[in-house]
Amino acid sequence: GMGTYVGGLVGVNGGSISTSYSAGTVTGDATTGGLVGQNGGGITACYSNCVVKANRRRVGLGGLVGSNHGSITTSYSSGSVAGADDRSGRPA
């Protein structure tokens, strides 16, 4: 996605997410997570099996959340996370 916050389930969480699941591929230009792009609320008993990729360098990436300012309990991710490559071809 081209938004500021990209997630497999939601871009921005300011509330409560529980017993939720995401799967697939999530690709973003900014803060990107397999479940939530930016979490400012609560995530409980959730799971992500997403491949998370960045189109740009120096973005927040995470298998479960791209950026966390809230709480996460009994949740996990089993997907892969890949940052964008720089000009030399090395991972960013």
N, C-alpha and C. Protein backbone atom coordinates (compact mmCIF):
# COMPACT_ATOMS: atom_id res chain seq x y z
N GLY A 1 0.80 -1.19 0.00
CA GLY A 1 0.00 0.00 0.00
C GLY A 1 0.85 1.26 0.00
N MET A 2 0.23 2.34 -0.31
CA MET A 2 0.93 3.61 -0.38
C MET A 2 0.63 4.49 0.82
N GLY A 3 -0.17 3.99 1.77
CA GLY A 3 -0.54 4.80 2.92
C GLY A 3 0.59 4.95 3.91
N THR A 4 0.37 5.77 4.92
CA THR A 4 1.35 6.00 5.95
C THR A 4 1.53 4.77 6.83
N TYR A 5 0.45 4.07 7.13
CA TYR A 5 0.48 2.86 7.95
C TYR A 5 -0.27 1.75 7.23
N VAL A 6 0.41 0.62 7.06
CA VAL A 6 -0.16 -0.49 6.30
C VAL A 6 -0.12 -1.75 7.16
N GLY A 7 -1.24 -2.46 7.24
CA GLY A 7 -1.30 -3.71 7.98
C GLY A 7 -2.15 -4.74 7.27
N GLY A 8 -1.90 -6.02 7.58
CA GLY A 8 -2.68 -7.09 6.98
C GLY A 8 -4.13 -7.07 7.41
N LEU A 9 -4.40 -6.54 8.60
CA LEU A 9 -5.77 -6.43 9.10
C LEU A 9 -6.22 -4.97 9.14
N VAL A 10 -5.43 -4.09 9.78
CA VAL A 10 -5.74 -2.66 9.84
C VAL A 10 -4.46 -1.84 9.74
N GLY A 11 -4.58 -0.62 9.24
CA GLY A 11 -3.43 0.28 9.15
C GLY A 11 -3.06 0.87 10.50
N VAL A 12 -4.07 1.40 11.23
CA VAL A 12 -3.84 2.01 12.54
C VAL A 12 -4.86 1.46 13.53
N ASN A 13 -4.37 0.99 14.67
CA ASN A 13 -5.25 0.52 15.74
C ASN A 13 -5.15 1.46 16.92
N GLY A 14 -6.28 2.08 17.27
CA GLY A 14 -6.34 2.93 18.45
C GLY A 14 -7.32 2.38 19.46
N GLY A 15 -7.83 1.20 19.17
CA GLY A 15 -8.84 0.58 20.05
C GLY A 15 -8.37 -0.76 20.56
N SER A 16 -9.16 -1.77 20.30
CA SER A 16 -8.87 -3.11 20.79
C SER A 16 -9.08 -4.14 19.69
N ILE A 17 -8.11 -5.01 19.50
CA ILE A 17 -8.21 -6.11 18.54
C ILE A 17 -7.94 -7.39 19.32
N SER A 18 -8.85 -8.37 19.21
CA SER A 18 -8.62 -9.64 19.89
C SER A 18 -9.06 -10.81 19.02
N THR A 19 -8.45 -11.95 19.27
CA THR A 19 -8.71 -13.22 18.57
C THR A 19 -8.86 -13.02 17.06
N SER A 20 -7.87 -12.35 16.47
CA SER A 20 -7.88 -12.08 15.03
C SER A 20 -6.65 -12.67 14.37
N TYR A 21 -6.72 -12.88 13.08
CA TYR A 21 -5.69 -13.56 12.31
C TYR A 21 -5.53 -12.88 10.96
N SER A 22 -4.30 -12.81 10.48
CA SER A 22 -4.06 -12.31 9.13
C SER A 22 -3.08 -13.24 8.42
N ALA A 23 -3.25 -13.35 7.11
CA ALA A 23 -2.36 -14.18 6.30
C ALA A 23 -2.27 -13.57 4.91
N GLY A 24 -1.15 -13.79 4.25
CA GLY A 24 -0.96 -13.28 2.90
C GLY A 24 0.34 -12.51 2.80
N THR A 25 0.37 -11.54 1.91
CA THR A 25 1.54 -10.68 1.72
C THR A 25 1.13 -9.24 1.92
N VAL A 26 1.91 -8.51 2.71
CA VAL A 26 1.65 -7.09 2.97
C VAL A 26 2.89 -6.32 2.53
N THR A 27 2.72 -5.40 1.60
CA THR A 27 3.82 -4.60 1.09
C THR A 27 3.48 -3.13 1.28
N GLY A 28 4.42 -2.37 1.86
CA GLY A 28 4.13 -0.96 2.13
C GLY A 28 5.29 -0.04 1.83
N ASP A 29 4.95 1.24 1.70
CA ASP A 29 5.95 2.28 1.50
C ASP A 29 6.31 2.97 2.81
N ALA A 30 5.61 2.64 3.88
CA ALA A 30 5.82 3.29 5.17
C ALA A 30 5.74 2.22 6.27
N THR A 31 5.30 2.58 7.45
CA THR A 31 5.23 1.66 8.59
C THR A 31 4.28 0.52 8.26
N THR A 32 4.81 -0.70 8.25
CA THR A 32 4.07 -1.85 7.75
C THR A 32 4.19 -3.03 8.70
N GLY A 33 3.05 -3.65 9.02
CA GLY A 33 3.03 -4.83 9.87
C GLY A 33 2.12 -5.91 9.32
N GLY A 34 2.39 -7.14 9.69
CA GLY A 34 1.59 -8.25 9.22
C GLY A 34 0.14 -8.19 9.70
N LEU A 35 -0.07 -7.69 10.90
CA LEU A 35 -1.43 -7.54 11.44
C LEU A 35 -1.85 -6.07 11.46
N VAL A 36 -0.99 -5.20 12.02
CA VAL A 36 -1.31 -3.78 12.20
C VAL A 36 -0.10 -2.94 11.80
N GLY A 37 -0.33 -1.85 11.07
CA GLY A 37 0.77 -0.94 10.73
C GLY A 37 1.28 -0.21 11.96
N GLN A 38 0.40 0.53 12.63
CA GLN A 38 0.76 1.20 13.88
C GLN A 38 -0.26 0.85 14.95
N ASN A 39 0.24 0.37 16.08
CA ASN A 39 -0.62 0.01 17.20
C ASN A 39 -0.50 1.03 18.32
N GLY A 40 -1.61 1.67 18.63
CA GLY A 40 -1.67 2.58 19.77
C GLY A 40 -2.71 2.12 20.77
N GLY A 41 -3.28 0.96 20.51
CA GLY A 41 -4.31 0.40 21.39
C GLY A 41 -3.86 -0.92 21.98
N GLY A 42 -4.75 -1.89 21.99
CA GLY A 42 -4.44 -3.19 22.55
C GLY A 42 -4.65 -4.30 21.54
N ILE A 43 -3.71 -5.25 21.53
CA ILE A 43 -3.80 -6.44 20.69
C ILE A 43 -3.67 -7.64 21.61
N THR A 44 -4.66 -8.52 21.58
CA THR A 44 -4.68 -9.68 22.47
C THR A 44 -5.06 -10.93 21.69
N ALA A 45 -4.31 -12.01 21.89
CA ALA A 45 -4.60 -13.32 21.31
C ALA A 45 -4.76 -13.25 19.80
N CYS A 46 -3.79 -12.61 19.13
CA CYS A 46 -3.82 -12.49 17.68
C CYS A 46 -2.60 -13.16 17.06
N TYR A 47 -2.69 -13.43 15.78
CA TYR A 47 -1.66 -14.16 15.06
C TYR A 47 -1.55 -13.62 13.64
N SER A 48 -0.32 -13.54 13.13
CA SER A 48 -0.11 -13.14 11.75
C SER A 48 0.84 -14.12 11.06
N ASN A 49 0.44 -14.55 9.89
CA ASN A 49 1.29 -15.38 9.05
C ASN A 49 1.45 -14.70 7.69
N CYS A 50 1.87 -13.44 7.74
CA CYS A 50 2.05 -12.64 6.52
C CYS A 50 3.52 -12.51 6.16
N VAL A 51 3.78 -12.43 4.88
CA VAL A 51 5.08 -12.00 4.39
C VAL A 51 5.00 -10.48 4.35
N VAL A 52 5.90 -9.81 5.08
CA VAL A 52 5.88 -8.34 5.18
C VAL A 52 7.07 -7.80 4.42
N LYS A 53 6.82 -6.90 3.47
CA LYS A 53 7.88 -6.35 2.62
C LYS A 53 7.80 -4.83 2.60
N ALA A 54 8.97 -4.21 2.44
CA ALA A 54 9.04 -2.75 2.30
C ALA A 54 9.42 -2.39 0.88
N ASN A 55 8.76 -1.37 0.34
CA ASN A 55 9.13 -0.84 -0.98
C ASN A 55 10.25 0.18 -0.86
N ARG A 56 10.40 0.75 0.34
CA ARG A 56 11.40 1.80 0.56
C ARG A 56 12.29 1.43 1.74
N ARG A 57 13.42 2.08 1.80
CA ARG A 57 14.34 1.88 2.92
C ARG A 57 13.89 2.72 4.11
N ARG A 58 14.34 2.31 5.28
CA ARG A 58 14.15 3.05 6.53
C ARG A 58 12.67 3.24 6.88
N VAL A 59 11.93 2.17 6.80
CA VAL A 59 10.54 2.19 7.26
C VAL A 59 10.41 1.21 8.41
N GLY A 60 9.41 1.41 9.27
CA GLY A 60 9.17 0.48 10.36
C GLY A 60 8.49 -0.77 9.83
N LEU A 61 9.09 -1.92 10.08
CA LEU A 61 8.55 -3.19 9.62
C LEU A 61 8.46 -4.16 10.78
N GLY A 62 7.43 -4.98 10.77
CA GLY A 62 7.32 -6.02 11.78
C GLY A 62 6.39 -7.12 11.33
N GLY A 63 6.66 -8.32 11.77
CA GLY A 63 5.80 -9.45 11.42
C GLY A 63 4.41 -9.30 11.98
N LEU A 64 4.29 -8.72 13.18
CA LEU A 64 2.99 -8.51 13.81
C LEU A 64 2.55 -7.05 13.68
N VAL A 65 3.40 -6.10 14.12
CA VAL A 65 3.10 -4.67 13.98
C VAL A 65 4.34 -3.94 13.45
N GLY A 66 4.11 -2.88 12.69
CA GLY A 66 5.23 -2.08 12.19
C GLY A 66 5.78 -1.14 13.23
N SER A 67 4.89 -0.59 14.08
CA SER A 67 5.27 0.32 15.16
C SER A 67 4.29 0.12 16.30
N ASN A 68 4.82 -0.01 17.52
CA ASN A 68 3.95 -0.27 18.67
C ASN A 68 4.10 0.81 19.73
N HIS A 69 2.96 1.41 20.10
CA HIS A 69 2.90 2.38 21.19
C HIS A 69 1.80 1.99 22.16
N GLY A 70 1.33 0.76 22.03
CA GLY A 70 0.25 0.26 22.87
C GLY A 70 0.67 -1.00 23.59
N SER A 71 -0.26 -1.94 23.71
CA SER A 71 0.05 -3.19 24.40
C SER A 71 -0.25 -4.38 23.48
N ILE A 72 0.60 -5.39 23.60
CA ILE A 72 0.42 -6.64 22.85
C ILE A 72 0.58 -7.78 23.83
N THR A 73 -0.42 -8.65 23.90
CA THR A 73 -0.34 -9.82 24.80
C THR A 73 -0.76 -11.07 24.05
N THR A 74 -0.13 -12.17 24.40
CA THR A 74 -0.40 -13.51 23.85
C THR A 74 -0.66 -13.48 22.35
N SER A 75 0.21 -12.80 21.61
CA SER A 75 0.09 -12.69 20.16
C SER A 75 1.44 -12.99 19.52
N TYR A 76 1.43 -13.47 18.28
CA TYR A 76 2.69 -13.79 17.63
C TYR A 76 2.58 -13.74 16.12
N SER A 77 3.75 -13.79 15.48
CA SER A 77 3.85 -13.80 14.04
C SER A 77 4.77 -14.92 13.60
N SER A 78 4.44 -15.57 12.50
CA SER A 78 5.31 -16.62 11.97
C SER A 78 5.74 -16.32 10.54
N GLY A 79 5.39 -15.16 10.03
CA GLY A 79 5.75 -14.80 8.65
C GLY A 79 7.14 -14.20 8.56
N SER A 80 7.59 -13.96 7.35
CA SER A 80 8.91 -13.37 7.14
C SER A 80 8.80 -11.86 6.95
N VAL A 81 9.91 -11.18 7.22
CA VAL A 81 9.97 -9.72 7.08
C VAL A 81 11.19 -9.39 6.22
N ALA A 82 10.98 -8.60 5.15
CA ALA A 82 12.07 -8.26 4.24
C ALA A 82 12.07 -6.77 3.95
N GLY A 83 13.19 -6.11 4.27
CA GLY A 83 13.33 -4.69 3.98
C GLY A 83 13.76 -4.48 2.53
N ALA A 84 13.57 -3.25 2.06
CA ALA A 84 13.99 -2.91 0.70
C ALA A 84 15.50 -2.90 0.61
N ASP A 85 16.03 -3.23 -0.54
CA ASP A 85 17.48 -3.25 -0.75
C ASP A 85 17.98 -1.86 -1.09
N ASP A 86 19.21 -1.58 -0.65
CA ASP A 86 19.80 -0.30 -1.05
C ASP A 86 20.47 -0.47 -2.42
N ARG A 87 21.12 0.56 -2.93
CA ARG A 87 21.67 0.53 -4.29
C ARG A 87 22.76 -0.51 -4.49
N SER A 88 23.44 -0.90 -3.42
CA SER A 88 24.50 -1.89 -3.56
C SER A 88 23.96 -3.32 -3.57
N GLY A 89 22.67 -3.46 -3.31
CA GLY A 89 22.08 -4.79 -3.31
C GLY A 89 22.06 -5.45 -1.95
N ARG A 90 22.66 -4.81 -0.95
CA ARG A 90 22.65 -5.37 0.40
C ARG A 90 21.31 -5.06 1.05
N PRO A 91 20.85 -5.94 1.97
CA PRO A 91 19.61 -5.60 2.68
C PRO A 91 19.76 -4.30 3.46
N ALA A 92 18.72 -3.50 3.47
CA ALA A 92 18.75 -2.22 4.18
C ALA A 92 18.69 -2.42 5.68
